[in-house]
Amino acid sequence: MPAGGQANLRCVDDHGQEQVTRPQLLSAWAGHWTGAGTGVTVILPPAGTVGSGEVRGGAPATREFALLEPTRLVDRVDAVVLSGGSAFGLSAAEGVVGLLRERGDGFPTPLGAVPIVIGMSIFDESVRTGPPDAASGREAALAAWSGTAFGTGRVGAGTGAATGMWRGRRDPGGVGWAERTAGAATVAAVVVVNAWGDVLGDDGRPLFGGDAEAAPAAPAGLQNTTVAVVLTNARLTKTECFLLAQSGHTGFARSIHPAHSRFDGDAVVALATGEVTDDINVDLLRAVAVDAVAAAIRSAVAVRVPVLGEGDDS
């Protein structure tokens, strides 16, 4: 069980050995559980992180998303759980809730802290074969806290992901990440890409073939969704996080065609951890978030992309 601050975390493994780990994603911990054709990806930001989000797809599978609306009371987010398994896979969040409750983390109430854990799921084969469960979510969170390198591609929630299904194909999908600077602040994006449409390159053309302007004979799609977490170390309000999430969706539109279909459950959560307080330009952050999300989507389908935390002794 972890103890101590977010900058350096003391973990005790199953053999009673203590180790010090550091976050994989800015000041947030990020980890995977990878199963047979499905998986879970967990983002654990530091205490006090502010968050909001927006759904634009027509078929979302989400947990606690209403809390992210700017008008709601709760502004903190303790974890975001991305999973396969559609609505069934949302149960992975329960394992993360349990871990956070054991630590006493969460929104304070008279009867104890209540962890605020947001869930977003994609549709994959595990809907038929067996989706992630609470134990899967717990394992992903423990992997994050242990300092395990954060892999990309067909791992975690992206294990069973595919793209290009509007063309009747299963082109590569997966988990991608990217990081960009915005003045004194940094913006990072983690995306699980399971789009009905094509992933587009920087030139606007599909990465896996086909005419970007042609209209394929699109089969009915009920097996798609792209979900993302946009993270910044800037101090933002909940409303500003909502604006950042909206810009994340612009990143979808820049790198996926078509995006936000009735068959996709496209959703973005934006988190602000607040370490950087001076010279924050919200509109610059939003512009950079567009680029970061688009780059993360393209990295999800790359043959080989960097691994967060691998060989980093800084």
C-alpha atoms as a PDB file:
ATOM      1  CA  MET A   1       0.000   0.000   0.000  1.00  0.00           C
ATOM      2  CA  PRO A   2       1.377   3.401  -0.926  1.00  0.00           C
ATOM      3  CA  ALA A   3       2.259   6.007   1.657  1.00  0.00           C
ATOM      4  CA  GLY A   4       3.721   9.484   1.559  1.00  0.00           C
ATOM      5  CA  GLY A   5       3.470  12.342  -0.931  1.00  0.00           C
ATOM      6  CA  GLN A   6       2.866  12.210  -4.658  1.00  0.00           C
ATOM      7  CA  ALA A   7       6.345  13.386  -5.701  1.00  0.00           C
ATOM      8  CA  ASN A   8       7.942  10.312  -4.126  1.00  0.00           C
ATOM      9  CA  LEU A   9       5.816   7.349  -3.130  1.00  0.00           C
ATOM     10  CA  ARG A  10       6.806   4.577  -0.739  1.00  0.00           C
ATOM     11  CA  CYS A  11       5.336   1.227  -1.727  1.00  0.00           C
ATOM     12  CA  VAL A  12       5.534  -2.051   0.154  1.00  0.00           C
ATOM     13  CA  ASP A  13       5.369  -5.075  -2.144  1.00  0.00           C
ATOM     14  CA  ASP A  14       3.862  -8.486  -1.412  1.00  0.00           C
ATOM     15  CA  HIS A  15       7.182  -9.589   0.146  1.00  0.00           C
ATOM     16  CA  GLY A  16       7.291  -6.688   2.603  1.00  0.00           C
ATOM     17  CA  GLN A  17      10.036  -4.882   0.700  1.00  0.00           C
ATOM     18  CA  GLU A  18       9.801  -1.095   0.546  1.00  0.00           C
ATOM     19  CA  GLN A  19      10.583   0.770  -2.658  1.00  0.00           C
ATOM     20  CA  VAL A  20      10.354   4.431  -3.678  1.00  0.00           C
ATOM     21  CA  THR A  21       8.607   5.177  -6.958  1.00  0.00           C
ATOM     22  CA  ARG A  22       7.831   8.307  -8.950  1.00  0.00           C
ATOM     23  CA  PRO A  23       4.871   9.299 -11.151  1.00  0.00           C
ATOM     24  CA  GLN A  24       4.829   8.227 -14.782  1.00  0.00           C
ATOM     25  CA  LEU A  25       2.640  11.045 -16.142  1.00  0.00           C
ATOM     26  CA  LEU A  26       3.605  14.521 -14.896  1.00  0.00           C
ATOM     27  CA  SER A  27       2.615  14.303 -11.203  1.00  0.00           C
ATOM     28  CA  ALA A  28       0.065  11.528 -11.795  1.00  0.00           C
ATOM     29  CA  TRP A  29       0.510   7.804 -11.495  1.00  0.00           C
ATOM     30  CA  ALA A  30      -0.507   5.732 -14.511  1.00  0.00           C
ATOM     31  CA  GLY A  31      -0.694   1.963 -14.870  1.00  0.00           C
ATOM     32  CA  HIS A  32      -2.265  -0.930 -16.751  1.00  0.00           C
ATOM     33  CA  TRP A  33      -3.781  -4.316 -16.193  1.00  0.00           C
ATOM     34  CA  THR A  34      -3.703  -6.321 -19.433  1.00  0.00           C
ATOM     35  CA  GLY A  35      -5.857  -9.399 -19.864  1.00  0.00           C
ATOM     36  CA  ALA A  36      -6.943 -11.612 -22.767  1.00  0.00           C
ATOM     37  CA  GLY A  37      -8.228  -9.200 -25.403  1.00  0.00           C
ATOM     38  CA  THR A  38      -9.108  -6.493 -22.906  1.00  0.00           C
ATOM     39  CA  GLY A  39      -7.651  -4.468 -20.069  1.00  0.00           C
ATOM     40  CA  VAL A  40      -7.718  -1.497 -17.720  1.00  0.00           C
ATOM     41  CA  THR A  41      -5.729   1.741 -17.602  1.00  0.00           C
ATOM     42  CA  VAL A  42      -5.780   3.857 -14.439  1.00  0.00           C
ATOM     43  CA  ILE A  43      -4.696   7.486 -13.936  1.00  0.00           C
ATOM     44  CA  LEU A  44      -4.172   8.497 -10.281  1.00  0.00           C
ATOM     45  CA  PRO A  45      -3.559  12.243  -9.941  1.00  0.00           C
ATOM     46  CA  PRO A  46      -2.306  13.907  -6.758  1.00  0.00           C
ATOM     47  CA  ALA A  47      -4.724  14.978  -4.043  1.00  0.00           C
ATOM     48  CA  GLY A  48      -6.621  18.161  -4.804  1.00  0.00           C
ATOM     49  CA  THR A  49      -6.633  17.689  -8.566  1.00  0.00           C
ATOM     50  CA  VAL A  50      -9.482  19.592 -10.228  1.00  0.00           C
ATOM     51  CA  GLY A  51     -11.366  17.947 -13.081  1.00  0.00           C
ATOM     52  CA  SER A  52     -14.174  18.235 -15.582  1.00  0.00           C
ATOM     53  CA  GLY A  53     -15.145  16.490 -18.795  1.00  0.00           C
ATOM     54  CA  GLU A  54     -17.399  16.240 -21.796  1.00  0.00           C
ATOM     55  CA  VAL A  55     -19.049  13.447 -23.810  1.00  0.00           C
ATOM     56  CA  ARG A  56     -19.653  14.027 -27.512  1.00  0.00           C
ATOM     57  CA  GLY A  57     -20.137  10.511 -28.846  1.00  0.00           C
ATOM     58  CA  GLY A  58     -23.599   9.023 -29.205  1.00  0.00           C
ATOM     59  CA  ALA A  59     -23.024   5.795 -27.276  1.00  0.00           C
ATOM     60  CA  PRO A  60     -20.985   6.432 -24.107  1.00  0.00           C
ATOM     61  CA  ALA A  61     -20.236   4.004 -21.286  1.00  0.00           C
ATOM     62  CA  THR A  62     -19.268   6.163 -18.308  1.00  0.00           C
ATOM     63  CA  ARG A  63     -19.266   6.267 -14.516  1.00  0.00           C
ATOM     64  CA  GLU A  64     -19.777   9.375 -12.316  1.00  0.00           C
ATOM     65  CA  PHE A  65     -19.531  11.633 -15.361  1.00  0.00           C
ATOM     66  CA  ALA A  66     -22.365  13.913 -14.221  1.00  0.00           C
ATOM     67  CA  LEU A  67     -20.145  15.059 -11.339  1.00  0.00           C
ATOM     68  CA  LEU A  68     -17.776  16.603 -13.876  1.00  0.00           C
ATOM     69  CA  GLU A  69     -20.280  19.200 -15.057  1.00  0.00           C
ATOM     70  CA  PRO A  70     -19.035  22.662 -14.065  1.00  0.00           C
ATOM     71  CA  THR A  71     -22.230  23.379 -12.109  1.00  0.00           C
ATOM     72  CA  ARG A  72     -21.836  20.377  -9.776  1.00  0.00           C
ATOM     73  CA  LEU A  73     -20.473  20.721  -6.245  1.00  0.00           C
ATOM     74  CA  VAL A  74     -17.555  18.283  -6.385  1.00  0.00           C
ATOM     75  CA  ASP A  75     -14.532  19.628  -8.242  1.00  0.00           C
ATOM     76  CA  ARG A  76     -11.853  17.084  -7.306  1.00  0.00           C
ATOM     77  CA  VAL A  77     -11.050  13.834  -9.116  1.00  0.00           C
ATOM     78  CA  ASP A  78      -9.165  11.049  -7.333  1.00  0.00           C
ATOM     79  CA  ALA A  79      -8.813   8.633 -10.264  1.00  0.00           C
ATOM     80  CA  VAL A  80      -9.851   8.007 -13.845  1.00  0.00           C
ATOM     81  CA  VAL A  81     -10.349   4.400 -14.911  1.00  0.00           C
ATOM     82  CA  LEU A  82     -10.319   3.503 -18.613  1.00  0.00           C
ATOM     83  CA  SER A  83     -11.427  -0.030 -19.435  1.00  0.00           C
ATOM     84  CA  GLY A  84     -12.577  -2.471 -22.035  1.00  0.00           C
ATOM     85  CA  GLY A  85     -15.832  -4.336 -21.706  1.00  0.00           C
ATOM     86  CA  SER A  86     -18.315  -1.525 -22.384  1.00  0.00           C
ATOM     87  CA  ALA A  87     -20.784  -1.015 -19.508  1.00  0.00           C
ATOM     88  CA  PHE A  88     -19.635  -4.273 -17.897  1.00  0.00           C
ATOM     89  CA  GLY A  89     -16.057  -3.011 -17.717  1.00  0.00           C
ATOM     90  CA  LEU A  90     -17.079   0.003 -15.645  1.00  0.00           C
ATOM     91  CA  SER A  91     -16.951  -2.320 -12.616  1.00  0.00           C
ATOM     92  CA  ALA A  92     -13.130  -2.019 -12.804  1.00  0.00           C
ATOM     93  CA  ALA A  93     -13.527   1.350 -11.108  1.00  0.00           C
ATOM     94  CA  GLU A  94     -14.825  -0.362  -7.962  1.00  0.00           C
ATOM     95  CA  GLY A  95     -11.398  -1.883  -7.355  1.00  0.00           C
ATOM     96  CA  VAL A  96      -9.817   1.561  -7.494  1.00  0.00           C
ATOM     97  CA  VAL A  97     -12.492   2.987  -5.194  1.00  0.00           C
ATOM     98  CA  GLY A  98     -11.663   0.265  -2.679  1.00  0.00           C
ATOM     99  CA  LEU A  99      -7.944   1.044  -2.750  1.00  0.00           C
ATOM    100  CA  LEU A 100      -8.514   4.757  -2.302  1.00  0.00           C
ATOM    101  CA  ARG A 101     -10.940   4.133   0.534  1.00  0.00           C
ATOM    102  CA  GLU A 102      -8.294   2.059   2.301  1.00  0.00           C
ATOM    103  CA  ARG A 103      -5.981   5.088   2.098  1.00  0.00           C
ATOM    104  CA  GLY A 104      -8.648   7.497   3.309  1.00  0.00           C
ATOM    105  CA  ASP A 105      -8.577   9.420   0.020  1.00  0.00           C
ATOM    106  CA  GLY A 106     -11.620  11.136  -1.411  1.00  0.00           C
ATOM    107  CA  PHE A 107     -14.122  13.937  -1.092  1.00  0.00           C
ATOM    108  CA  PRO A 108     -14.596  14.697   2.613  1.00  0.00           C
ATOM    109  CA  THR A 109     -18.027  14.001   4.115  1.00  0.00           C
ATOM    110  CA  PRO A 110     -19.225  13.789   7.742  1.00  0.00           C
ATOM    111  CA  LEU A 111     -19.088   9.995   7.505  1.00  0.00           C
ATOM    112  CA  GLY A 112     -15.714   9.690   5.827  1.00  0.00           C
ATOM    113  CA  ALA A 113     -13.960  10.375   2.547  1.00  0.00           C
ATOM    114  CA  VAL A 114     -15.693   9.261  -0.663  1.00  0.00           C
ATOM    115  CA  PRO A 115     -13.272   8.603  -3.566  1.00  0.00           C
ATOM    116  CA  ILE A 116     -14.265  10.379  -6.775  1.00  0.00           C
ATOM    117  CA  VAL A 117     -13.442   7.851  -9.479  1.00  0.00           C
ATOM    118  CA  ILE A 118     -14.489   8.523 -13.074  1.00  0.00           C
ATOM    119  CA  GLY A 119     -14.936   5.578 -15.428  1.00  0.00           C
ATOM    120  CA  MET A 120     -14.929   5.430 -19.238  1.00  0.00           C
ATOM    121  CA  SER A 121     -15.139   2.187 -21.199  1.00  0.00           C
ATOM    122  CA  ILE A 122     -14.660   1.077 -24.780  1.00  0.00           C
ATOM    123  CA  PHE A 123     -16.443  -1.811 -26.487  1.00  0.00           C
ATOM    124  CA  ASP A 124     -14.240  -4.848 -27.094  1.00  0.00           C
ATOM    125  CA  GLU A 125     -14.489  -8.628 -27.392  1.00  0.00           C
ATOM    126  CA  SER A 126     -14.596  -9.025 -23.620  1.00  0.00           C
ATOM    127  CA  VAL A 127     -18.286  -8.070 -23.700  1.00  0.00           C
ATOM    128  CA  ARG A 128     -18.703 -11.674 -24.865  1.00  0.00           C
ATOM    129  CA  THR A 129     -15.713 -13.408 -23.274  1.00  0.00           C
ATOM    130  CA  GLY A 130     -15.483 -11.742 -19.864  1.00  0.00           C
ATOM    131  CA  PRO A 131     -14.900  -8.039 -19.152  1.00  0.00           C
ATOM    132  CA  PRO A 132     -12.527  -6.462 -16.629  1.00  0.00           C
ATOM    133  CA  ASP A 133     -13.747  -6.471 -13.047  1.00  0.00           C
ATOM    134  CA  ALA A 134     -12.918  -4.783  -9.744  1.00  0.00           C
ATOM    135  CA  ALA A 135      -9.833  -6.960  -9.281  1.00  0.00           C
ATOM    136  CA  SER A 136      -8.558  -5.825 -12.693  1.00  0.00           C
ATOM    137  CA  GLY A 137      -8.928  -2.187 -11.723  1.00  0.00           C
ATOM    138  CA  ARG A 138      -7.142  -2.780  -8.451  1.00  0.00           C
ATOM    139  CA  GLU A 139      -4.216  -4.438 -10.254  1.00  0.00           C
ATOM    140  CA  ALA A 140      -3.917  -1.518 -12.685  1.00  0.00           C
ATOM    141  CA  ALA A 141      -3.801   0.969  -9.806  1.00  0.00           C
ATOM    142  CA  LEU A 142      -1.191  -1.066  -7.959  1.00  0.00           C
ATOM    143  CA  ALA A 143       0.890  -1.232 -11.137  1.00  0.00           C
ATOM    144  CA  ALA A 144       0.746   2.557 -11.320  1.00  0.00           C
ATOM    145  CA  TRP A 145       1.807   3.040  -7.714  1.00  0.00           C
ATOM    146  CA  SER A 146       4.597   0.481  -8.077  1.00  0.00           C
ATOM    147  CA  GLY A 147       6.308   2.671 -10.680  1.00  0.00           C
ATOM    148  CA  THR A 148       5.903   0.148 -13.500  1.00  0.00           C
ATOM    149  CA  ALA A 149       6.681   1.779 -16.859  1.00  0.00           C
ATOM    150  CA  PHE A 150       3.570   2.996 -18.666  1.00  0.00           C
ATOM    151  CA  GLY A 151       3.382   1.158 -21.980  1.00  0.00           C
ATOM    152  CA  THR A 152       1.465   2.149 -25.088  1.00  0.00           C
ATOM    153  CA  GLY A 153      -0.138   0.335 -27.997  1.00  0.00           C
ATOM    154  CA  ARG A 154      -2.182  -2.808 -27.380  1.00  0.00           C
ATOM    155  CA  VAL A 155      -1.957  -2.748 -23.601  1.00  0.00           C
ATOM    156  CA  GLY A 156      -4.348  -1.914 -20.777  1.00  0.00           C
ATOM    157  CA  ALA A 157      -7.685  -0.550 -21.943  1.00  0.00           C
ATOM    158  CA  GLY A 158      -6.376  -0.519 -25.518  1.00  0.00           C
ATOM    159  CA  THR A 159      -5.680  -4.262 -25.699  1.00  0.00           C
ATOM    160  CA  GLY A 160      -8.798  -5.072 -27.712  1.00  0.00           C
ATOM    161  CA  ALA A 161      -9.087  -1.744 -29.553  1.00  0.00           C
ATOM    162  CA  ALA A 162      -9.305  -1.302 -33.326  1.00  0.00           C
ATOM    163  CA  THR A 163     -10.026   1.489 -35.824  1.00  0.00           C
ATOM    164  CA  GLY A 164     -11.297   1.869 -39.390  1.00  0.00           C
ATOM    165  CA  MET A 165     -14.414  -0.179 -38.788  1.00  0.00           C
ATOM    166  CA  TRP A 166     -16.543   2.122 -40.923  1.00  0.00           C
ATOM    167  CA  ARG A 167     -14.589   0.595 -43.814  1.00  0.00           C
ATOM    168  CA  GLY A 168     -15.395  -2.928 -42.662  1.00  0.00           C
ATOM    169  CA  ARG A 169     -11.800  -3.372 -41.397  1.00  0.00           C
ATOM    170  CA  ARG A 170     -10.035  -3.689 -38.066  1.00  0.00           C
ATOM    171  CA  ASP A 171      -7.062  -1.366 -38.373  1.00  0.00           C
ATOM    172  CA  PRO A 172      -4.758  -0.908 -35.347  1.00  0.00           C
ATOM    173  CA  GLY A 173      -6.006   0.780 -32.179  1.00  0.00           C
ATOM    174  CA  GLY A 174      -4.614   0.994 -28.659  1.00  0.00           C
ATOM    175  CA  VAL A 175      -3.349   3.344 -25.961  1.00  0.00           C
ATOM    176  CA  GLY A 176      -1.337   6.411 -26.915  1.00  0.00           C
ATOM    177  CA  TRP A 177       0.195   9.338 -25.072  1.00  0.00           C
ATOM    178  CA  ALA A 178       1.805  12.653 -25.897  1.00  0.00           C
ATOM    179  CA  GLU A 179       3.137  15.652 -23.987  1.00  0.00           C
ATOM    180  CA  ARG A 180       3.472  19.299 -25.001  1.00  0.00           C
ATOM    181  CA  THR A 181       4.558  22.522 -23.284  1.00  0.00           C
ATOM    182  CA  ALA A 182       2.337  25.578 -22.925  1.00  0.00           C
ATOM    183  CA  GLY A 183       4.491  28.378 -21.552  1.00  0.00           C
ATOM    184  CA  ALA A 184       5.434  27.452 -17.987  1.00  0.00           C
ATOM    185  CA  ALA A 185       2.894  24.626 -17.937  1.00  0.00           C
ATOM    186  CA  THR A 186       2.780  21.191 -19.545  1.00  0.00           C
ATOM    187  CA  VAL A 187      -0.125  19.332 -21.103  1.00  0.00           C
ATOM    188  CA  ALA A 188      -0.161  15.532 -21.432  1.00  0.00           C
ATOM    189  CA  ALA A 189      -2.765  13.311 -23.057  1.00  0.00           C
ATOM    190  CA  VAL A 190      -3.535   9.610 -22.684  1.00  0.00           C
ATOM    191  CA  VAL A 191      -6.001   8.251 -25.246  1.00  0.00           C
ATOM    192  CA  VAL A 192      -7.581   4.836 -25.797  1.00  0.00           C
ATOM    193  CA  VAL A 193      -8.304   4.720 -29.529  1.00  0.00           C
ATOM    194  CA  ASN A 194     -11.122   2.393 -30.617  1.00  0.00           C
ATOM    195  CA  ALA A 195     -12.647   4.605 -33.297  1.00  0.00           C
ATOM    196  CA  TRP A 196     -15.315   3.756 -35.842  1.00  0.00           C
ATOM    197  CA  GLY A 197     -13.463   5.995 -38.283  1.00  0.00           C
ATOM    198  CA  ASP A 198      -9.895   6.244 -39.560  1.00  0.00           C
ATOM    199  CA  VAL A 199      -6.882   7.616 -37.712  1.00  0.00           C
ATOM    200  CA  LEU A 200      -5.514  10.465 -39.809  1.00  0.00           C
ATOM    201  CA  GLY A 201      -1.890  11.474 -40.227  1.00  0.00           C
ATOM    202  CA  ASP A 202      -0.572  15.026 -40.024  1.00  0.00           C
ATOM    203  CA  ASP A 203      -1.451  15.413 -43.713  1.00  0.00           C
ATOM    204  CA  GLY A 204      -5.108  14.601 -43.061  1.00  0.00           C
ATOM    205  CA  ARG A 205      -4.987  11.254 -44.878  1.00  0.00           C
ATOM    206  CA  PRO A 206      -5.889   7.896 -43.286  1.00  0.00           C
ATOM    207  CA  LEU A 207      -2.814   6.151 -41.888  1.00  0.00           C
ATOM    208  CA  PHE A 208      -4.003   2.729 -43.031  1.00  0.00           C
ATOM    209  CA  GLY A 209      -5.183   3.440 -46.552  1.00  0.00           C
ATOM    210  CA  GLY A 210      -8.349   4.648 -48.171  1.00  0.00           C
ATOM    211  CA  ASP A 211      -9.458   7.949 -49.611  1.00  0.00           C
ATOM    212  CA  ALA A 212     -10.101  10.507 -46.880  1.00  0.00           C
ATOM    213  CA  GLU A 213     -12.776  12.137 -49.033  1.00  0.00           C
ATOM    214  CA  ALA A 214     -14.530   8.918 -50.043  1.00  0.00           C
ATOM    215  CA  ALA A 215     -17.599   7.711 -48.192  1.00  0.00           C
ATOM    216  CA  PRO A 216     -17.152   3.994 -47.441  1.00  0.00           C
ATOM    217  CA  ALA A 217     -20.091   1.640 -47.405  1.00  0.00           C
ATOM    218  CA  ALA A 218     -20.183   1.881 -43.643  1.00  0.00           C
ATOM    219  CA  PRO A 219     -21.536  -1.149 -41.805  1.00  0.00           C
ATOM    220  CA  ALA A 220     -23.587  -0.521 -38.697  1.00  0.00           C
ATOM    221  CA  GLY A 221     -21.187   0.189 -35.862  1.00  0.00           C
ATOM    222  CA  LEU A 222     -21.897  -0.566 -32.237  1.00  0.00           C
ATOM    223  CA  GLN A 223     -18.395  -1.503 -31.106  1.00  0.00           C
ATOM    224  CA  ASN A 224     -16.518   1.765 -30.908  1.00  0.00           C
ATOM    225  CA  THR A 225     -15.376   4.574 -28.610  1.00  0.00           C
ATOM    226  CA  THR A 226     -12.329   6.774 -28.122  1.00  0.00           C
ATOM    227  CA  VAL A 227     -11.715   8.063 -24.590  1.00  0.00           C
ATOM    228  CA  ALA A 228      -9.039  10.410 -23.318  1.00  0.00           C
ATOM    229  CA  VAL A 229      -7.542  12.020 -20.239  1.00  0.00           C
ATOM    230  CA  VAL A 230      -5.959  15.453 -20.713  1.00  0.00           C
ATOM    231  CA  LEU A 231      -3.685  16.344 -17.808  1.00  0.00           C
ATOM    232  CA  THR A 232      -1.969  19.641 -17.048  1.00  0.00           C
ATOM    233  CA  ASN A 233       0.190  20.812 -14.162  1.00  0.00           C
ATOM    234  CA  ALA A 234      -1.397  24.283 -14.410  1.00  0.00           C
ATOM    235  CA  ARG A 235      -3.771  25.496 -11.714  1.00  0.00           C
ATOM    236  CA  LEU A 236      -7.232  25.711 -13.288  1.00  0.00           C
ATOM    237  CA  THR A 237     -10.818  26.050 -12.128  1.00  0.00           C
ATOM    238  CA  LYS A 238     -13.400  23.394 -12.862  1.00  0.00           C
ATOM    239  CA  THR A 239     -14.878  25.540 -15.654  1.00  0.00           C
ATOM    240  CA  GLU A 240     -11.435  25.960 -17.198  1.00  0.00           C
ATOM    241  CA  CYS A 241     -10.961  22.184 -17.064  1.00  0.00           C
ATOM    242  CA  PHE A 242     -14.254  21.836 -18.930  1.00  0.00           C
ATOM    243  CA  LEU A 243     -12.904  24.127 -21.656  1.00  0.00           C
ATOM    244  CA  LEU A 244      -9.730  22.013 -21.790  1.00  0.00           C
ATOM    245  CA  ALA A 245     -11.832  18.857 -22.249  1.00  0.00           C
ATOM    246  CA  GLN A 246     -13.678  20.532 -25.112  1.00  0.00           C
ATOM    247  CA  SER A 247     -10.349  21.232 -26.789  1.00  0.00           C
ATOM    248  CA  GLY A 248      -9.441  17.588 -26.340  1.00  0.00           C
ATOM    249  CA  HIS A 249     -12.419  16.753 -28.538  1.00  0.00           C
ATOM    250  CA  THR A 250     -11.029  19.098 -31.181  1.00  0.00           C
ATOM    251  CA  GLY A 251      -7.943  16.867 -31.097  1.00  0.00           C
ATOM    252  CA  PHE A 252     -10.247  13.923 -31.857  1.00  0.00           C
ATOM    253  CA  ALA A 253     -11.683  15.744 -34.870  1.00  0.00           C
ATOM    254  CA  ARG A 254      -8.198  16.604 -36.122  1.00  0.00           C
ATOM    255  CA  SER A 255      -6.914  13.013 -36.031  1.00  0.00           C
ATOM    256  CA  ILE A 256      -9.983  10.778 -36.472  1.00  0.00           C
ATOM    257  CA  HIS A 257     -12.467  10.823 -39.346  1.00  0.00           C
ATOM    258  CA  PRO A 258     -15.317  10.588 -38.747  1.00  0.00           C
ATOM    259  CA  ALA A 259     -15.188  11.446 -35.026  1.00  0.00           C
ATOM    260  CA  HIS A 260     -18.066  11.743 -32.538  1.00  0.00           C
ATOM    261  CA  SER A 261     -20.393   9.449 -34.464  1.00  0.00           C
ATOM    262  CA  ARG A 262     -23.615   7.994 -33.065  1.00  0.00           C
ATOM    263  CA  PHE A 263     -21.715   4.697 -32.799  1.00  0.00           C
ATOM    264  CA  ASP A 264     -18.852   6.085 -30.692  1.00  0.00           C
ATOM    265  CA  GLY A 265     -18.934   6.930 -26.992  1.00  0.00           C
ATOM    266  CA  ASP A 266     -16.259   9.598 -27.374  1.00  0.00           C
ATOM    267  CA  ALA A 267     -15.451  11.264 -24.048  1.00  0.00           C
ATOM    268  CA  VAL A 268     -12.650  13.410 -22.587  1.00  0.00           C
ATOM    269  CA  VAL A 269     -11.750  14.108 -18.947  1.00  0.00           C
ATOM    270  CA  ALA A 270      -9.461  17.064 -18.213  1.00  0.00           C
ATOM    271  CA  LEU A 271      -7.448  17.204 -14.978  1.00  0.00           C
ATOM    272  CA  ALA A 272      -5.439  20.087 -13.513  1.00  0.00           C
ATOM    273  CA  THR A 273      -2.962  19.197 -10.775  1.00  0.00           C
ATOM    274  CA  GLY A 274      -2.085  22.812  -9.959  1.00  0.00           C
ATOM    275  CA  GLU A 275       1.674  22.851  -9.438  1.00  0.00           C
ATOM    276  CA  VAL A 276       2.137  25.751 -11.885  1.00  0.00           C
ATOM    277  CA  THR A 277       0.328  28.886 -10.737  1.00  0.00           C
ATOM    278  CA  ASP A 278       1.940  31.812 -12.560  1.00  0.00           C
ATOM    279  CA  ASP A 279       1.491  33.019 -16.140  1.00  0.00           C
ATOM    280  CA  ILE A 280      -1.284  30.562 -16.978  1.00  0.00           C
ATOM    281  CA  ASN A 281      -2.864  31.232 -20.362  1.00  0.00           C
ATOM    282  CA  VAL A 282      -5.990  29.098 -20.649  1.00  0.00           C
ATOM    283  CA  ASP A 283      -6.372  29.611 -24.383  1.00  0.00           C
ATOM    284  CA  LEU A 284      -2.765  28.585 -24.976  1.00  0.00           C
ATOM    285  CA  LEU A 285      -3.371  25.467 -22.870  1.00  0.00           C
ATOM    286  CA  ARG A 286      -6.427  24.696 -24.972  1.00  0.00           C
ATOM    287  CA  ALA A 287      -4.520  25.073 -28.235  1.00  0.00           C
ATOM    288  CA  VAL A 288      -1.728  22.846 -26.957  1.00  0.00           C
ATOM    289  CA  ALA A 289      -4.255  20.260 -25.713  1.00  0.00           C
ATOM    290  CA  VAL A 290      -5.574  19.908 -29.273  1.00  0.00           C
ATOM    291  CA  ASP A 291      -2.080  19.067 -30.503  1.00  0.00           C
ATOM    292  CA  ALA A 292      -1.340  16.732 -27.590  1.00  0.00           C
ATOM    293  CA  VAL A 293      -4.527  14.719 -28.051  1.00  0.00           C
ATOM    294  CA  ALA A 294      -4.051  14.414 -31.811  1.00  0.00           C
ATOM    295  CA  ALA A 295      -0.457  13.262 -31.293  1.00  0.00           C
ATOM    296  CA  ALA A 296      -1.522  10.750 -28.634  1.00  0.00           C
ATOM    297  CA  ILE A 297      -4.129   9.271 -30.970  1.00  0.00           C
ATOM    298  CA  ARG A 298      -1.540   8.790 -33.702  1.00  0.00           C
ATOM    299  CA  SER A 299       0.949   7.315 -31.244  1.00  0.00           C
ATOM    300  CA  ALA A 300      -1.621   4.720 -30.167  1.00  0.00           C
ATOM    301  CA  VAL A 301      -1.452   3.064 -33.561  1.00  0.00           C
ATOM    302  CA  ALA A 302       2.292   3.478 -34.136  1.00  0.00           C
ATOM    303  CA  VAL A 303       4.472   0.395 -34.435  1.00  0.00           C
ATOM    304  CA  ARG A 304       6.759   1.480 -31.603  1.00  0.00           C
ATOM    305  CA  VAL A 305       6.333   4.481 -29.323  1.00  0.00           C
ATOM    306  CA  PRO A 306       8.122   5.567 -26.138  1.00  0.00           C
ATOM    307  CA  VAL A 307       7.314   4.044 -22.772  1.00  0.00           C
ATOM    308  CA  LEU A 308       6.705   6.506 -19.952  1.00  0.00           C
ATOM    309  CA  GLY A 309       9.062   5.947 -17.047  1.00  0.00           C
ATOM    310  CA  GLU A 310      11.355   3.584 -18.939  1.00  0.00           C
ATOM    311  CA  GLY A 311      15.002   4.432 -18.286  1.00  0.00           C
ATOM    312  CA  ASP A 312      14.112   7.787 -16.712  1.00  0.00           C
ATOM    313  CA  ASP A 313      16.219   8.482 -13.648  1.00  0.00           C
ATOM    314  CA  SER A 314      15.379  12.177 -13.489  1.00  0.00           C
END
